[in-house]
Amino acid sequence: MTDHPTPAQAGGGDGCGRQHRQRVVPSNCAHEPEAVAAGGYERICALSSLVKTPNYKAVQIKKIREAAKVSQPIFAMYLNTSESTIQKWEAGTKKPSGMALKLLDIVHKHGLGVLA
């Protein structure tokens, strides 16, 4: 965000050539105090539109890989992790988190081809 006025404030444009976003917090946004405190004004409340990534169990991870018809080493390369990590996930001794969990969810929903 810039300190430049919005097009509405500048009468349709301020002459600087930049695209400006209007600083508006939706009235139905449950996160308005946080958005205001962080300076994150948007027409759509991004916090309420986030989708929670499910926690996959070892059996589910193995099924995702098998559905993609790849070995553990190949699956590891697609997910940018090690073969031993895939083995541990499938054995249930380690759980994926963060970006790995998100990638597993994407592969589960859309197939391994989206990562190629």
C-alpha atoms as a PDB file:
ATOM      1  CA  MET A   1       0.000   0.000   0.000  1.00  0.00           C
ATOM      2  CA  THR A   2       1.168   3.480  -0.727  1.00  0.00           C
ATOM      3  CA  ASP A   3       0.390   6.753   0.955  1.00  0.00           C
ATOM      4  CA  HIS A   4      -0.989   8.027  -2.343  1.00  0.00           C
ATOM      5  CA  PRO A   5      -4.679   8.879  -2.379  1.00  0.00           C
ATOM      6  CA  THR A   6      -7.071   6.367  -3.894  1.00  0.00           C
ATOM      7  CA  PRO A   7      -8.555   7.152  -7.315  1.00  0.00           C
ATOM      8  CA  ALA A   8     -11.800   8.136  -5.581  1.00  0.00           C
ATOM      9  CA  GLN A   9      -9.939  10.588  -3.359  1.00  0.00           C
ATOM     10  CA  ALA A  10      -7.988  11.962  -6.286  1.00  0.00           C
ATOM     11  CA  GLY A  11     -11.027  12.412  -8.482  1.00  0.00           C
ATOM     12  CA  GLY A  12     -10.410   9.331 -10.635  1.00  0.00           C
ATOM     13  CA  GLY A  13      -6.616   9.402 -10.615  1.00  0.00           C
ATOM     14  CA  ASP A  14      -3.750  11.186  -8.953  1.00  0.00           C
ATOM     15  CA  GLY A  15      -1.453  11.308 -11.955  1.00  0.00           C
ATOM     16  CA  CYS A  16       1.238   9.049 -10.483  1.00  0.00           C
ATOM     17  CA  GLY A  17       0.355   6.137 -12.783  1.00  0.00           C
ATOM     18  CA  ARG A  18       0.052   3.599  -9.957  1.00  0.00           C
ATOM     19  CA  GLN A  19      -2.911   1.307  -9.370  1.00  0.00           C
ATOM     20  CA  HIS A  20      -4.494   2.076  -6.004  1.00  0.00           C
ATOM     21  CA  ARG A  21      -6.678  -0.079  -3.803  1.00  0.00           C
ATOM     22  CA  GLN A  22      -9.470   1.396  -1.790  1.00  0.00           C
ATOM     23  CA  ARG A  23      -8.935   0.975   1.949  1.00  0.00           C
ATOM     24  CA  VAL A  24     -12.168  -0.589   3.101  1.00  0.00           C
ATOM     25  CA  VAL A  25     -12.858  -3.199   5.773  1.00  0.00           C
ATOM     26  CA  PRO A  26     -16.058  -5.122   5.050  1.00  0.00           C
ATOM     27  CA  SER A  27     -18.750  -4.454   7.622  1.00  0.00           C
ATOM     28  CA  ASN A  28     -19.393  -8.185   8.052  1.00  0.00           C
ATOM     29  CA  CYS A  29     -15.725  -9.028   8.671  1.00  0.00           C
ATOM     30  CA  ALA A  30     -15.282 -10.799  12.003  1.00  0.00           C
ATOM     31  CA  HIS A  31     -11.584  -9.943  11.915  1.00  0.00           C
ATOM     32  CA  GLU A  32     -12.031  -6.182  11.564  1.00  0.00           C
ATOM     33  CA  PRO A  33     -10.022  -5.249  14.715  1.00  0.00           C
ATOM     34  CA  GLU A  34      -7.049  -7.360  13.582  1.00  0.00           C
ATOM     35  CA  ALA A  35      -7.305  -6.031  10.028  1.00  0.00           C
ATOM     36  CA  VAL A  36      -7.391  -2.440  11.267  1.00  0.00           C
ATOM     37  CA  ALA A  37      -4.488  -2.987  13.682  1.00  0.00           C
ATOM     38  CA  ALA A  38      -2.347  -4.579  10.974  1.00  0.00           C
ATOM     39  CA  GLY A  39      -3.295  -1.996   8.358  1.00  0.00           C
ATOM     40  CA  GLY A  40      -4.671  -4.787   6.183  1.00  0.00           C
ATOM     41  CA  TYR A  41      -7.724  -3.177   4.648  1.00  0.00           C
ATOM     42  CA  GLU A  42      -9.327  -5.190   1.849  1.00  0.00           C
ATOM     43  CA  ARG A  43     -12.786  -5.533   0.345  1.00  0.00           C
ATOM     44  CA  ILE A  44     -12.785  -9.250   1.148  1.00  0.00           C
ATOM     45  CA  CYS A  45     -11.784 -10.580   4.541  1.00  0.00           C
ATOM     46  CA  ALA A  46      -8.927 -12.927   3.636  1.00  0.00           C
ATOM     47  CA  LEU A  47      -8.796 -14.482   7.092  1.00  0.00           C
ATOM     48  CA  SER A  48     -12.327 -15.832   6.872  1.00  0.00           C
ATOM     49  CA  SER A  49     -11.783 -17.273   3.395  1.00  0.00           C
ATOM     50  CA  LEU A  50      -8.787 -19.437   4.337  1.00  0.00           C
ATOM     51  CA  VAL A  51      -9.405 -23.165   4.104  1.00  0.00           C
ATOM     52  CA  LYS A  52      -8.020 -25.328   6.879  1.00  0.00           C
ATOM     53  CA  THR A  53      -5.674 -28.026   5.606  1.00  0.00           C
ATOM     54  CA  PRO A  54      -6.632 -31.448   6.987  1.00  0.00           C
ATOM     55  CA  ASN A  55      -4.192 -33.545   8.997  1.00  0.00           C
ATOM     56  CA  TYR A  56      -3.556 -36.728   7.057  1.00  0.00           C
ATOM     57  CA  LYS A  57      -2.988 -40.042   8.815  1.00  0.00           C
ATOM     58  CA  ALA A  58      -0.228 -42.452   7.758  1.00  0.00           C
ATOM     59  CA  VAL A  59      -2.662 -44.701   5.863  1.00  0.00           C
ATOM     60  CA  GLN A  60      -4.118 -41.721   4.005  1.00  0.00           C
ATOM     61  CA  ILE A  61      -0.670 -40.491   2.950  1.00  0.00           C
ATOM     62  CA  LYS A  62       0.190 -43.923   1.590  1.00  0.00           C
ATOM     63  CA  LYS A  63      -3.125 -44.023  -0.314  1.00  0.00           C
ATOM     64  CA  ILE A  64      -2.422 -40.592  -1.821  1.00  0.00           C
ATOM     65  CA  ARG A  65       0.985 -41.802  -3.035  1.00  0.00           C
ATOM     66  CA  GLU A  66      -0.389 -45.098  -4.332  1.00  0.00           C
ATOM     67  CA  ALA A  67      -3.210 -43.293  -6.158  1.00  0.00           C
ATOM     68  CA  ALA A  68      -0.518 -41.231  -7.899  1.00  0.00           C
ATOM     69  CA  LYS A  69       1.190 -44.537  -8.873  1.00  0.00           C
ATOM     70  CA  VAL A  70       4.668 -43.482  -7.794  1.00  0.00           C
ATOM     71  CA  SER A  71       7.316 -44.935  -5.500  1.00  0.00           C
ATOM     72  CA  GLN A  72       8.377 -43.323  -2.246  1.00  0.00           C
ATOM     73  CA  PRO A  73      11.563 -41.823  -3.793  1.00  0.00           C
ATOM     74  CA  ILE A  74       9.607 -40.266  -6.680  1.00  0.00           C
ATOM     75  CA  PHE A  75       6.890 -38.969  -4.320  1.00  0.00           C
ATOM     76  CA  ALA A  76       9.641 -37.449  -2.157  1.00  0.00           C
ATOM     77  CA  MET A  77      11.106 -35.629  -5.164  1.00  0.00           C
ATOM     78  CA  TYR A  78       7.721 -34.127  -6.059  1.00  0.00           C
ATOM     79  CA  LEU A  79       7.202 -32.943  -2.470  1.00  0.00           C
ATOM     80  CA  ASN A  80      10.807 -31.714  -2.154  1.00  0.00           C
ATOM     81  CA  THR A  81      11.560 -33.931   0.804  1.00  0.00           C
ATOM     82  CA  SER A  82      13.562 -37.090   1.504  1.00  0.00           C
ATOM     83  CA  GLU A  83      12.567 -40.688   0.932  1.00  0.00           C
ATOM     84  CA  SER A  84      13.051 -41.366   4.653  1.00  0.00           C
ATOM     85  CA  THR A  85      10.554 -38.607   5.476  1.00  0.00           C
ATOM     86  CA  ILE A  86       7.953 -40.253   3.220  1.00  0.00           C
ATOM     87  CA  GLN A  87       8.693 -43.598   4.917  1.00  0.00           C
ATOM     88  CA  LYS A  88       8.221 -42.027   8.356  1.00  0.00           C
ATOM     89  CA  TRP A  89       4.956 -40.346   7.313  1.00  0.00           C
ATOM     90  CA  GLU A  90       3.592 -43.635   5.975  1.00  0.00           C
ATOM     91  CA  ALA A  91       4.745 -45.518   9.074  1.00  0.00           C
ATOM     92  CA  GLY A  92       3.164 -42.922  11.344  1.00  0.00           C
ATOM     93  CA  THR A  93       6.395 -42.097  13.191  1.00  0.00           C
ATOM     94  CA  LYS A  94       6.466 -38.560  11.814  1.00  0.00           C
ATOM     95  CA  LYS A  95       3.659 -36.221  10.725  1.00  0.00           C
ATOM     96  CA  PRO A  96       3.826 -33.720   7.884  1.00  0.00           C
ATOM     97  CA  SER A  97       3.263 -30.085   8.758  1.00  0.00           C
ATOM     98  CA  GLY A  98       3.211 -26.696   7.130  1.00  0.00           C
ATOM     99  CA  MET A  99       3.961 -26.606   3.436  1.00  0.00           C
ATOM    100  CA  ALA A 100       4.332 -30.403   3.165  1.00  0.00           C
ATOM    101  CA  LEU A 101       0.815 -30.836   4.527  1.00  0.00           C
ATOM    102  CA  LYS A 102      -0.508 -28.274   2.059  1.00  0.00           C
ATOM    103  CA  LEU A 103       1.248 -30.022  -0.836  1.00  0.00           C
ATOM    104  CA  LEU A 104      -0.220 -33.371   0.241  1.00  0.00           C
ATOM    105  CA  ASP A 105      -3.663 -31.800   0.247  1.00  0.00           C
ATOM    106  CA  ILE A 106      -3.135 -30.376  -3.242  1.00  0.00           C
ATOM    107  CA  VAL A 107      -1.952 -33.759  -4.544  1.00  0.00           C
ATOM    108  CA  HIS A 108      -4.922 -35.449  -2.880  1.00  0.00           C
ATOM    109  CA  LYS A 109      -7.399 -33.042  -4.496  1.00  0.00           C
ATOM    110  CA  HIS A 110      -5.786 -32.466  -7.909  1.00  0.00           C
ATOM    111  CA  GLY A 111      -3.263 -35.232  -8.515  1.00  0.00           C
ATOM    112  CA  LEU A 112       0.500 -35.231  -8.683  1.00  0.00           C
ATOM    113  CA  GLY A 113       0.511 -33.631 -12.137  1.00  0.00           C
ATOM    114  CA  VAL A 114      -0.137 -30.168 -10.702  1.00  0.00           C
ATOM    115  CA  LEU A 115       3.301 -30.239  -9.092  1.00  0.00           C
ATOM    116  CA  ALA A 116       5.120 -31.233 -12.298  1.00  0.00           C
END
